């Protein structure tokens, strides 16, 4: 479930202490949207995650590049 994925991703995310590049799949991106923006699980599950874009996260700001 997305909740289980979120529980696995959160410790990694919380431990980040420098600029980091992460290559991952859409599920992790959706988990980041839930953590950072407080997006509801059902909305995150429907989120379109492009395969040809980068996602920059700074603080509480997410930006597709």
N, C-alpha and C. Protein backbone atom coordinates (compact mmCIF):
# COMPACT_ATOMS: atom_id res chain seq x y z
N UNK A 1 0.84 -1.19 0.00
CA UNK A 1 0.00 0.00 0.00
C UNK A 1 0.88 1.25 0.00
N UNK A 2 0.28 2.37 -0.37
CA UNK A 2 1.03 3.62 -0.34
C UNK A 2 1.45 3.97 1.10
N UNK A 3 0.63 3.62 2.06
CA UNK A 3 0.98 3.90 3.46
C UNK A 3 2.24 3.14 3.86
N UNK A 4 2.33 1.87 3.46
CA UNK A 4 3.52 1.07 3.77
C UNK A 4 4.75 1.65 3.07
N UNK A 5 4.58 2.08 1.83
CA UNK A 5 5.69 2.71 1.10
C UNK A 5 6.12 3.99 1.80
N UNK A 6 5.16 4.78 2.22
CA UNK A 6 5.46 6.02 2.95
C UNK A 6 6.26 5.73 4.21
N UNK A 7 5.90 4.68 4.93
CA UNK A 7 6.61 4.32 6.15
C UNK A 7 8.05 3.88 5.87
N UNK A 8 8.31 3.32 4.69
CA UNK A 8 9.68 2.93 4.33
C UNK A 8 10.49 4.13 3.84
N UNK A 9 9.85 5.05 3.13
CA UNK A 9 10.55 6.20 2.55
C UNK A 9 10.84 7.27 3.60
N UNK A 10 9.95 7.46 4.55
CA UNK A 10 10.07 8.56 5.51
C UNK A 10 11.40 8.57 6.28
N UNK A 11 11.88 7.44 6.83
CA UNK A 11 13.16 7.49 7.54
C UNK A 11 14.32 7.93 6.64
N UNK A 12 14.33 7.47 5.40
CA UNK A 12 15.37 7.89 4.45
C UNK A 12 15.27 9.40 4.22
N UNK A 13 14.06 9.87 3.95
CA UNK A 13 13.84 11.28 3.67
C UNK A 13 14.23 12.14 4.87
N UNK A 14 13.82 11.74 6.06
CA UNK A 14 14.12 12.50 7.27
C UNK A 14 15.62 12.56 7.56
N UNK A 15 16.37 11.56 7.10
CA UNK A 15 17.81 11.51 7.37
C UNK A 15 18.64 12.34 6.38
N UNK A 16 18.03 12.84 5.31
CA UNK A 16 18.78 13.63 4.34
C UNK A 16 19.33 14.88 5.00
N UNK A 17 20.62 15.12 4.80
CA UNK A 17 21.23 16.31 5.41
C UNK A 17 22.07 17.10 4.41
N UNK A 18 21.90 16.79 3.12
CA UNK A 18 22.61 17.54 2.08
C UNK A 18 21.86 17.37 0.76
N UNK A 19 22.28 18.11 -0.25
CA UNK A 19 21.67 17.97 -1.57
C UNK A 19 21.82 16.53 -2.03
N UNK A 20 20.77 15.96 -2.55
CA UNK A 20 20.76 14.55 -2.91
C UNK A 20 20.02 14.36 -4.22
N UNK A 21 20.54 13.49 -5.07
CA UNK A 21 19.85 13.09 -6.28
C UNK A 21 19.33 11.68 -6.04
N UNK A 22 18.06 11.48 -6.30
CA UNK A 22 17.43 10.19 -6.08
C UNK A 22 16.76 9.75 -7.38
N UNK A 23 17.12 8.59 -7.88
CA UNK A 23 16.48 8.02 -9.06
C UNK A 23 15.54 6.94 -8.56
N UNK A 24 14.26 7.11 -8.82
CA UNK A 24 13.27 6.23 -8.22
C UNK A 24 12.05 6.06 -9.11
N UNK A 25 11.09 5.33 -8.64
CA UNK A 25 9.86 5.12 -9.40
C UNK A 25 8.75 6.03 -8.88
N UNK A 26 7.65 6.05 -9.58
CA UNK A 26 6.55 6.95 -9.27
C UNK A 26 5.97 6.79 -7.89
N UNK A 27 6.01 5.58 -7.34
CA UNK A 27 5.46 5.37 -6.00
C UNK A 27 6.18 6.20 -4.95
N UNK A 28 7.50 6.28 -5.06
CA UNK A 28 8.27 7.08 -4.10
C UNK A 28 7.96 8.56 -4.31
N UNK A 29 7.81 8.98 -5.55
CA UNK A 29 7.46 10.38 -5.82
C UNK A 29 6.10 10.70 -5.19
N UNK A 30 5.16 9.79 -5.33
CA UNK A 30 3.84 10.00 -4.72
C UNK A 30 3.94 10.07 -3.20
N UNK A 31 4.80 9.24 -2.62
CA UNK A 31 5.01 9.29 -1.16
C UNK A 31 5.59 10.63 -0.75
N UNK A 32 6.51 11.18 -1.55
CA UNK A 32 7.07 12.50 -1.25
C UNK A 32 6.00 13.58 -1.29
N UNK A 33 5.10 13.51 -2.26
CA UNK A 33 4.01 14.48 -2.32
C UNK A 33 3.14 14.38 -1.07
N UNK A 34 2.91 13.16 -0.61
CA UNK A 34 2.11 12.99 0.61
C UNK A 34 2.82 13.59 1.81
N UNK A 35 4.13 13.30 1.95
CA UNK A 35 4.88 13.79 3.11
C UNK A 35 5.05 15.30 3.09
N UNK A 36 5.46 15.83 1.96
CA UNK A 36 5.82 17.24 1.87
C UNK A 36 4.59 18.15 1.82
N UNK A 37 3.60 17.76 1.05
CA UNK A 37 2.43 18.61 0.85
C UNK A 37 1.22 18.18 1.68
N UNK A 38 1.33 17.04 2.35
CA UNK A 38 0.19 16.54 3.10
C UNK A 38 -0.95 16.10 2.19
N UNK A 39 -0.61 15.68 0.98
CA UNK A 39 -1.61 15.28 0.00
C UNK A 39 -2.31 14.01 0.47
N UNK A 40 -3.62 13.95 0.37
CA UNK A 40 -4.35 12.73 0.75
C UNK A 40 -3.92 11.53 -0.11
N UNK A 41 -3.97 10.34 0.46
CA UNK A 41 -3.51 9.13 -0.23
C UNK A 41 -4.22 8.92 -1.57
N UNK A 42 -5.52 9.09 -1.60
CA UNK A 42 -6.26 8.86 -2.85
C UNK A 42 -5.85 9.84 -3.94
N UNK A 43 -5.59 11.08 -3.56
CA UNK A 43 -5.14 12.08 -4.53
C UNK A 43 -3.74 11.75 -5.03
N UNK A 44 -2.85 11.36 -4.12
CA UNK A 44 -1.48 11.00 -4.50
C UNK A 44 -1.48 9.79 -5.43
N UNK A 45 -2.37 8.84 -5.19
CA UNK A 45 -2.44 7.63 -6.02
C UNK A 45 -2.81 7.97 -7.46
N UNK A 46 -3.56 9.04 -7.67
CA UNK A 46 -3.96 9.45 -9.02
C UNK A 46 -2.97 10.42 -9.66
N UNK A 47 -1.96 10.82 -8.93
CA UNK A 47 -1.00 11.81 -9.42
C UNK A 47 -0.26 11.30 -10.64
N UNK A 48 -0.24 12.10 -11.69
CA UNK A 48 0.51 11.76 -12.90
C UNK A 48 1.99 12.06 -12.65
N UNK A 49 2.82 11.03 -12.73
CA UNK A 49 4.26 11.18 -12.52
C UNK A 49 4.94 10.97 -13.86
N UNK A 50 5.42 12.05 -14.49
CA UNK A 50 6.07 11.92 -15.80
C UNK A 50 7.35 11.08 -15.73
N UNK A 51 7.64 10.39 -16.83
CA UNK A 51 8.85 9.57 -16.90
C UNK A 51 10.02 10.34 -17.51
N UNK A 52 9.76 11.55 -17.96
CA UNK A 52 10.79 12.31 -18.67
C UNK A 52 11.09 13.64 -18.00
N UNK A 53 10.84 13.73 -16.69
CA UNK A 53 11.04 14.99 -15.98
C UNK A 53 11.80 14.73 -14.69
N UNK A 54 12.36 15.80 -14.16
CA UNK A 54 12.99 15.78 -12.84
C UNK A 54 12.07 16.50 -11.87
N UNK A 55 12.11 16.08 -10.63
CA UNK A 55 11.34 16.74 -9.59
C UNK A 55 12.32 17.32 -8.58
N UNK A 56 12.28 18.64 -8.43
CA UNK A 56 13.16 19.29 -7.46
C UNK A 56 12.34 19.58 -6.20
N UNK A 57 12.93 19.24 -5.08
CA UNK A 57 12.29 19.46 -3.79
C UNK A 57 13.20 20.36 -2.97
N UNK A 58 12.68 21.51 -2.57
CA UNK A 58 13.41 22.42 -1.69
C UNK A 58 12.46 22.85 -0.59
N UNK A 59 12.78 22.46 0.63
CA UNK A 59 11.89 22.76 1.74
C UNK A 59 10.55 22.09 1.52
N UNK A 60 9.51 22.90 1.42
CA UNK A 60 8.16 22.38 1.17
C UNK A 60 7.71 22.69 -0.26
N UNK A 61 8.66 22.93 -1.13
CA UNK A 61 8.35 23.29 -2.52
C UNK A 61 8.76 22.16 -3.45
N UNK A 62 7.82 21.67 -4.24
CA UNK A 62 8.08 20.65 -5.25
C UNK A 62 7.90 21.28 -6.62
N UNK A 63 8.86 21.04 -7.52
CA UNK A 63 8.80 21.66 -8.84
C UNK A 63 9.26 20.67 -9.90
N UNK A 64 8.42 20.44 -10.91
CA UNK A 64 8.81 19.61 -12.05
C UNK A 64 9.71 20.42 -12.97
N UNK A 65 10.82 19.84 -13.37
CA UNK A 65 11.77 20.49 -14.29
C UNK A 65 11.78 19.76 -15.62
